[in-house]
Amino acid sequence: MGRSKEPLYRRTNTRTHGVHREGGEYRHDRGRRDPRGEDVTRAPMHALRHGRDYTPLYRFLRSRVGRPWNEVHSEAIARLDTPEPIFTAVALPADDAHAMVRVGESTYVSGLRVDDAGLLQLVDPTLDARELVPYCRCCTHTFNGERFGGVFEGDA
């Protein structure tokens, strides 16, 4: 009997004091109305998905460059909780593709597209973390898991 493959996401710690999550807490919006005039207290709370790290997904997609998109997509869907993160890195249609895609506060991954032959391709295969320069001095900027090689030259 075969073992099922690992999921393409990790659960991150969201309960420890001081852990920052994207978005505010529900208590800060209690009793407030949104621009459409609807009461925010009536909004469902279960729609938020805190605590997911999709780094394994982006690594998986880069490892499948050159393979048929339909096969890569179906394998990824089977190993994810929701299909939306795939399209953070993969541009459909290819006209919307970017060489570098931001997936976190200072985390970037290679942009991917599907070519005319239906194969998964890198938008810019020459892009390298050693050539990139950070946008600020306070953050550790990474591209595909490697630190940016350039030195921040602001404040000069």
Protein backbone atom coordinates (compact mmCIF):
# COMPACT_ATOMS: atom_id res chain seq x y z
CA MET A 1 0.00 0.00 0.00
CA GLY A 2 1.53 3.34 -1.10
CA ARG A 3 2.14 6.26 1.20
CA SER A 4 0.40 9.52 0.37
CA LYS A 5 2.66 12.45 -0.46
CA GLU A 6 3.26 15.32 1.94
CA PRO A 7 1.03 18.40 1.57
CA LEU A 8 2.49 21.40 -0.28
CA TYR A 9 1.98 23.77 2.64
CA ARG A 10 3.02 24.01 6.27
CA ARG A 11 0.99 25.10 9.22
CA THR A 12 2.63 27.96 11.07
CA ASN A 13 2.32 28.92 14.71
CA THR A 14 -0.57 31.35 15.16
CA ARG A 15 -1.19 30.96 18.88
CA THR A 16 2.05 32.17 20.45
CA HIS A 17 2.01 35.69 21.87
CA GLY A 18 3.58 38.16 19.46
CA VAL A 19 3.13 36.09 16.27
CA HIS A 20 2.16 38.51 13.50
CA ARG A 21 -0.55 37.46 11.06
CA GLU A 22 -1.70 39.31 8.00
CA GLY A 23 -4.81 41.36 8.65
CA GLY A 24 -6.22 42.68 11.87
CA GLU A 25 -8.03 40.91 14.60
CA TYR A 26 -11.80 40.63 14.57
CA ARG A 27 -12.11 42.50 17.87
CA HIS A 28 -10.78 45.68 16.22
CA ASP A 29 -13.64 45.65 13.71
CA ARG A 30 -16.45 44.82 16.13
CA GLY A 31 -19.43 47.15 15.66
CA ARG A 32 -17.90 48.86 12.63
CA ARG A 33 -19.67 49.13 9.26
CA ASP A 34 -17.94 48.52 5.95
CA PRO A 35 -18.28 50.98 3.02
CA ARG A 36 -21.32 49.11 1.65
CA GLY A 37 -23.13 49.77 4.92
CA GLU A 38 -23.14 46.15 6.06
CA ASP A 39 -22.53 45.34 9.70
CA VAL A 40 -19.07 43.79 10.05
CA THR A 41 -20.20 41.79 13.07
CA ARG A 42 -22.34 39.72 10.70
CA ALA A 43 -19.39 38.74 8.50
CA PRO A 44 -18.29 35.09 8.70
CA MET A 45 -15.06 34.52 10.60
CA HIS A 46 -14.31 31.10 9.12
CA ALA A 47 -13.20 32.52 5.76
CA LEU A 48 -9.81 33.63 7.11
CA ARG A 49 -6.92 31.21 6.56
CA HIS A 50 -4.20 32.16 9.00
CA GLY A 51 -1.22 29.93 9.58
CA ARG A 52 -0.39 28.62 6.10
CA ASP A 53 3.11 28.72 4.60
CA TYR A 54 3.16 27.76 0.92
CA THR A 55 6.97 27.67 0.52
CA PRO A 56 6.88 23.92 -0.29
CA LEU A 57 4.38 24.65 -3.09
CA TYR A 58 6.63 27.26 -4.72
CA ARG A 59 9.62 24.90 -4.47
CA PHE A 60 7.52 22.11 -6.00
CA LEU A 61 6.43 24.32 -8.92
CA ARG A 62 10.02 25.40 -9.70
CA SER A 63 11.12 21.76 -9.67
CA ARG A 64 8.48 20.95 -12.31
CA VAL A 65 9.57 23.58 -14.87
CA GLY A 66 9.51 22.07 -18.37
CA ARG A 67 6.79 19.53 -17.56
CA PRO A 68 3.19 19.55 -18.86
CA TRP A 69 1.09 22.06 -16.92
CA ASN A 70 -1.95 19.78 -16.66
CA GLU A 71 0.07 17.10 -14.84
CA VAL A 72 1.79 19.61 -12.53
CA HIS A 73 -1.52 21.34 -11.73
CA SER A 74 -3.40 18.13 -10.95
CA GLU A 75 -0.63 16.89 -8.63
CA ALA A 76 -0.45 20.25 -6.83
CA ILE A 77 -4.24 20.45 -6.38
CA ALA A 78 -4.25 16.98 -4.80
CA ARG A 79 -1.69 18.10 -2.20
CA LEU A 80 -3.16 21.50 -1.27
CA ASP A 81 -5.97 22.69 0.99
CA THR A 82 -7.09 25.28 -1.60
CA PRO A 83 -5.98 25.90 -5.21
CA GLU A 84 -5.58 29.70 -5.00
CA PRO A 85 -1.89 29.80 -3.91
CA ILE A 86 -0.84 28.12 -7.16
CA PHE A 87 -1.86 31.17 -9.14
CA THR A 88 0.21 33.48 -6.96
CA ALA A 89 3.31 32.23 -8.79
CA VAL A 90 1.82 30.86 -12.05
CA ALA A 91 0.35 33.45 -14.40
CA LEU A 92 -2.62 32.42 -16.51
CA PRO A 93 -2.73 33.96 -19.10
CA ALA A 94 1.00 34.28 -19.77
CA ASP A 95 0.58 37.99 -20.59
CA ASP A 96 0.10 38.65 -16.85
CA ALA A 97 3.43 37.02 -15.94
CA HIS A 98 6.09 38.77 -13.86
CA ALA A 99 9.72 37.65 -13.47
CA MET A 100 9.53 37.95 -9.66
CA VAL A 101 6.44 37.54 -7.47
CA ARG A 102 6.09 38.78 -3.88
CA VAL A 103 4.66 36.07 -1.60
CA GLY A 104 5.46 37.56 1.80
CA GLU A 105 6.59 40.77 3.45
CA SER A 106 10.10 40.48 2.00
CA THR A 107 9.91 37.07 0.30
CA TYR A 108 9.91 36.68 -3.47
CA VAL A 109 9.76 33.68 -5.82
CA SER A 110 10.32 33.20 -9.53
CA GLY A 111 7.34 34.01 -11.70
CA LEU A 112 6.03 31.10 -13.76
CA ARG A 113 3.89 30.86 -16.90
CA VAL A 114 2.47 28.21 -19.19
CA ASP A 115 3.91 28.39 -22.72
CA ASP A 116 2.10 27.73 -26.01
CA ALA A 117 3.04 24.04 -25.85
CA GLY A 118 1.34 23.70 -22.43
CA LEU A 119 4.60 23.41 -20.48
CA LEU A 120 5.37 25.18 -17.21
CA GLN A 121 8.18 27.73 -17.73
CA LEU A 122 10.08 30.37 -15.75
CA VAL A 123 9.27 33.92 -16.87
CA ASP A 124 12.94 34.96 -16.54
CA PRO A 125 15.35 32.02 -16.10
CA THR A 126 18.34 34.39 -15.80
CA LEU A 127 17.08 36.12 -12.62
CA ASP A 128 19.37 35.36 -9.67
CA ALA A 129 19.22 36.33 -5.98
CA ARG A 130 22.90 37.37 -6.03
CA GLU A 131 22.06 40.24 -8.40
CA LEU A 132 19.04 41.58 -6.49
CA VAL A 133 19.27 44.53 -4.10
CA PRO A 134 17.11 44.83 -0.93
CA TYR A 135 14.49 47.60 -0.78
CA CYS A 136 15.22 48.46 2.85
CA ARG A 137 17.88 47.74 5.45
CA CYS A 138 15.56 46.40 8.16
CA CYS A 139 14.28 43.26 6.39
CA THR A 140 15.94 40.10 5.15
CA HIS A 141 14.87 39.91 1.50
CA THR A 142 14.88 36.46 -0.08
CA PHE A 143 14.36 35.19 -3.62
CA ASN A 144 13.55 31.48 -3.92
CA GLY A 145 14.91 30.96 -0.41
CA GLU A 146 18.25 32.75 -0.97
CA ARG A 147 19.14 36.14 0.51
CA PHE A 148 19.47 39.04 -1.88
CA GLY A 149 23.16 39.41 -2.72
CA GLY A 150 23.25 43.18 -3.18
CA VAL A 151 23.68 45.73 -0.40
CA PHE A 152 20.97 48.28 0.43
CA GLU A 153 22.19 51.64 -0.84
CA GLY A 154 19.43 53.92 0.46
CA ASP A 155 20.09 56.77 2.88
CA ALA A 156 23.20 57.66 0.82
